Amino acid sequence: MEGGCTCRHVRYRIGGPPLIVHACHCRWCQRETGSAHALNALFVADDVVLTSGQPEVVNTPSASGRGQLIARCPACHVAVWSHYPQGGPAVRFVRVGTMDDPAAFPPDIHIYTSTKLPWVVLPEGARAVPEFYDARTVWPEEARARVAAMRQRLKAQAVPDPSDPGS
């Protein structure tokens, strides 16, 4: 799986399946994308490898007040992925529209449908929630296991702070 920005300066390759794919209908995503919703495939960051270019990271406000870091092409300014505080740098929210085959990544769940635009009609049987959800009950077991393994790797890589008596 590959993708990138419009001008092809920033290109990436993905080495595994997404953890989950969100169609986010919150007002912030509507405003940020200039569209009805954002469509993000969540990947373990190590599975998303730059093959060309280097995105520019822009700190953007968010509804939580904690912001999000959006990786944009420095030439055409297309957003290719984001990092949100809850996933930190370990999870990339890749914009599905930047993938070479975006049709391969339909949403697993529609979130923040309480602010969905009234003319957006969700497909019959689509999984949807008014706000957010509990990942322990929504994410597939395989995705939760991959995140747990990623957290273990990060924990093992952490260097204890010598000034912290609890480390």
Protein backbone atom coordinates (compact mmCIF):
# COMPACT_ATOMS: atom_id res chain seq x y z
CA MET A 1 0.00 0.00 0.00
CA GLU A 2 1.39 3.36 -0.98
CA GLY A 3 0.26 6.94 -0.98
CA GLY A 4 1.28 10.55 -0.83
CA CYS A 5 0.39 14.15 -1.45
CA THR A 6 -0.97 15.69 -4.64
CA CYS A 7 2.38 16.92 -5.99
CA ARG A 8 4.06 13.58 -5.11
CA HIS A 9 6.82 15.28 -3.10
CA VAL A 10 5.83 13.31 0.04
CA ARG A 11 5.32 9.61 -0.57
CA TYR A 12 4.88 6.77 1.91
CA ARG A 13 4.51 3.00 2.02
CA ILE A 14 2.37 1.15 4.55
CA GLY A 15 3.54 -2.22 5.80
CA GLY A 16 0.43 -3.59 7.47
CA PRO A 17 -3.32 -3.31 7.80
CA PRO A 18 -4.94 -0.37 9.57
CA LEU A 19 -5.92 -0.72 13.20
CA ILE A 20 -9.29 0.82 12.30
CA VAL A 21 -10.69 3.33 9.82
CA HIS A 22 -12.71 6.31 11.10
CA ALA A 23 -15.04 8.62 9.28
CA CYS A 24 -15.08 11.55 11.69
CA HIS A 25 -18.03 13.89 11.36
CA CYS A 26 -17.03 16.38 14.09
CA ARG A 27 -17.18 20.09 13.27
CA TRP A 28 -13.40 20.39 13.69
CA CYS A 29 -12.74 17.77 10.99
CA GLN A 30 -15.34 19.37 8.75
CA ARG A 31 -13.61 22.72 9.07
CA GLU A 32 -10.09 21.33 8.77
CA THR A 33 -10.83 19.31 5.62
CA GLY A 34 -13.34 21.71 4.09
CA SER A 35 -15.58 18.68 3.61
CA ALA A 36 -18.32 16.69 5.31
CA HIS A 37 -15.91 14.53 7.32
CA ALA A 38 -12.34 13.30 7.66
CA LEU A 39 -11.55 9.74 6.68
CA ASN A 40 -8.55 8.43 8.63
CA ALA A 41 -6.97 4.98 8.68
CA LEU A 42 -5.10 4.47 11.94
CA PHE A 43 -1.73 2.71 11.65
CA VAL A 44 1.08 1.87 14.03
CA ALA A 45 3.54 4.63 13.10
CA ASP A 46 6.35 2.14 12.40
CA ASP A 47 4.16 0.65 9.63
CA VAL A 48 4.13 3.98 7.74
CA VAL A 49 7.49 4.54 6.07
CA LEU A 50 8.42 7.66 4.11
CA THR A 51 9.75 6.78 0.68
CA SER A 52 10.32 10.38 -0.45
CA GLY A 53 10.10 13.89 0.90
CA GLN A 54 9.71 15.03 4.46
CA PRO A 55 6.37 16.37 5.69
CA GLU A 56 6.12 19.61 7.61
CA VAL A 57 4.41 19.10 10.98
CA VAL A 58 1.85 21.74 11.91
CA ASN A 59 0.38 22.00 15.41
CA THR A 60 -3.35 22.55 14.89
CA PRO A 61 -5.99 23.33 17.54
CA SER A 62 -8.54 20.65 18.40
CA ALA A 63 -11.79 20.40 20.34
CA SER A 64 -9.99 18.71 23.26
CA GLY A 65 -7.67 21.69 23.63
CA ARG A 66 -4.66 19.35 23.32
CA GLY A 67 -4.24 19.94 19.58
CA GLN A 68 -3.16 17.59 16.87
CA LEU A 69 0.03 17.45 14.84
CA ILE A 70 -0.73 17.38 11.12
CA ALA A 71 1.97 16.21 8.71
CA ARG A 72 1.63 18.25 5.50
CA CYS A 73 3.60 18.33 2.30
CA PRO A 74 5.80 21.46 2.41
CA ALA A 75 5.18 22.02 -1.32
CA CYS A 76 1.43 21.44 -1.91
CA HIS A 77 0.35 21.54 1.79
CA VAL A 78 -1.85 18.44 1.55
CA ALA A 79 -2.32 16.75 4.94
CA VAL A 80 -1.03 13.18 4.71
CA TRP A 81 -1.46 12.11 8.36
CA SER A 82 -2.00 13.35 11.90
CA HIS A 83 -0.92 12.49 15.40
CA TYR A 84 -3.45 13.00 18.19
CA PRO A 85 -2.51 13.21 21.89
CA GLN A 86 -4.20 9.91 22.81
CA GLY A 87 -2.04 7.96 20.33
CA GLY A 88 0.95 10.27 20.38
CA PRO A 89 3.67 9.74 17.79
CA ALA A 90 3.10 5.96 17.90
CA VAL A 91 -0.16 6.06 15.89
CA ARG A 92 -0.56 7.78 12.54
CA PHE A 93 -4.01 8.82 11.38
CA VAL A 94 -3.37 8.53 7.64
CA ARG A 95 -5.73 10.49 5.41
CA VAL A 96 -7.36 7.80 3.29
CA GLY A 97 -7.69 10.19 0.34
CA THR A 98 -3.88 10.33 0.10
CA MET A 99 -3.62 6.58 -0.48
CA ASP A 100 -3.10 5.36 -4.03
CA ASP A 101 -6.12 3.06 -3.60
CA PRO A 102 -8.46 4.85 -1.19
CA ALA A 103 -11.39 2.61 -2.14
CA ALA A 104 -9.64 -0.21 -0.27
CA PHE A 105 -10.21 1.57 3.07
CA PRO A 106 -13.93 2.12 3.74
CA PRO A 107 -14.79 3.35 7.24
CA ASP A 108 -15.16 0.74 9.97
CA ILE A 109 -17.03 3.27 12.08
CA HIS A 110 -18.52 6.74 11.77
CA ILE A 111 -17.75 8.88 14.81
CA TYR A 112 -19.17 12.17 16.10
CA THR A 113 -22.33 11.65 14.09
CA SER A 114 -24.13 14.01 16.48
CA THR A 115 -22.65 16.80 14.32
CA LYS A 116 -22.91 14.96 11.00
CA LEU A 117 -24.19 17.22 8.26
CA PRO A 118 -27.89 16.49 7.76
CA TRP A 119 -27.55 15.69 4.06
CA VAL A 120 -24.89 13.01 4.64
CA VAL A 121 -26.62 9.64 4.51
CA LEU A 122 -24.74 6.75 6.08
CA PRO A 123 -24.94 3.36 4.37
CA GLU A 124 -27.49 0.91 5.72
CA GLY A 125 -25.92 -1.08 8.56
CA ALA A 126 -22.95 1.28 8.97
CA ARG A 127 -21.47 1.28 12.46
CA ALA A 128 -21.96 4.77 13.89
CA VAL A 129 -21.72 6.46 17.26
CA PRO A 130 -22.87 9.95 18.30
CA GLU A 131 -19.49 10.89 19.81
CA PHE A 132 -16.46 8.61 20.37
CA TYR A 133 -16.27 5.01 21.59
CA ASP A 134 -14.35 2.62 23.83
CA ALA A 135 -11.61 1.00 21.70
CA ARG A 136 -11.73 -2.11 23.90
CA THR A 137 -15.23 -2.84 22.63
CA VAL A 138 -14.93 -1.58 19.03
CA TRP A 139 -11.44 -2.42 17.78
CA PRO A 140 -10.80 -5.96 16.54
CA GLU A 141 -8.80 -8.16 18.92
CA GLU A 142 -5.92 -8.30 16.41
CA ALA A 143 -5.66 -4.47 16.35
CA ARG A 144 -5.73 -4.26 20.15
CA ALA A 145 -2.95 -6.88 20.29
CA ARG A 146 -0.81 -4.87 17.84
CA VAL A 147 -1.25 -1.73 19.95
CA ALA A 148 -0.34 -3.64 23.12
CA ALA A 149 2.83 -4.95 21.42
CA MET A 150 3.67 -1.43 20.23
CA ARG A 151 3.25 -0.08 23.78
CA GLN A 152 5.54 -2.81 25.11
CA ARG A 153 8.21 -1.90 22.52
CA LEU A 154 7.95 1.78 23.45
CA LYS A 155 8.12 1.00 27.14
CA ALA A 156 11.22 -1.16 26.59
CA GLN A 157 12.87 1.65 24.62
CA ALA A 158 12.16 4.27 27.28
CA VAL A 159 15.22 5.52 29.09
CA PRO A 160 14.55 6.06 32.80
CA ASP A 161 15.06 9.57 34.14
CA PRO A 162 17.96 9.32 36.62
CA SER A 163 16.60 12.28 38.60
CA ASP A 164 13.30 10.45 39.15
CA PRO A 165 13.56 8.17 42.21
CA GLY A 166 10.55 6.18 40.95
CA SER A 167 12.17 5.19 37.65
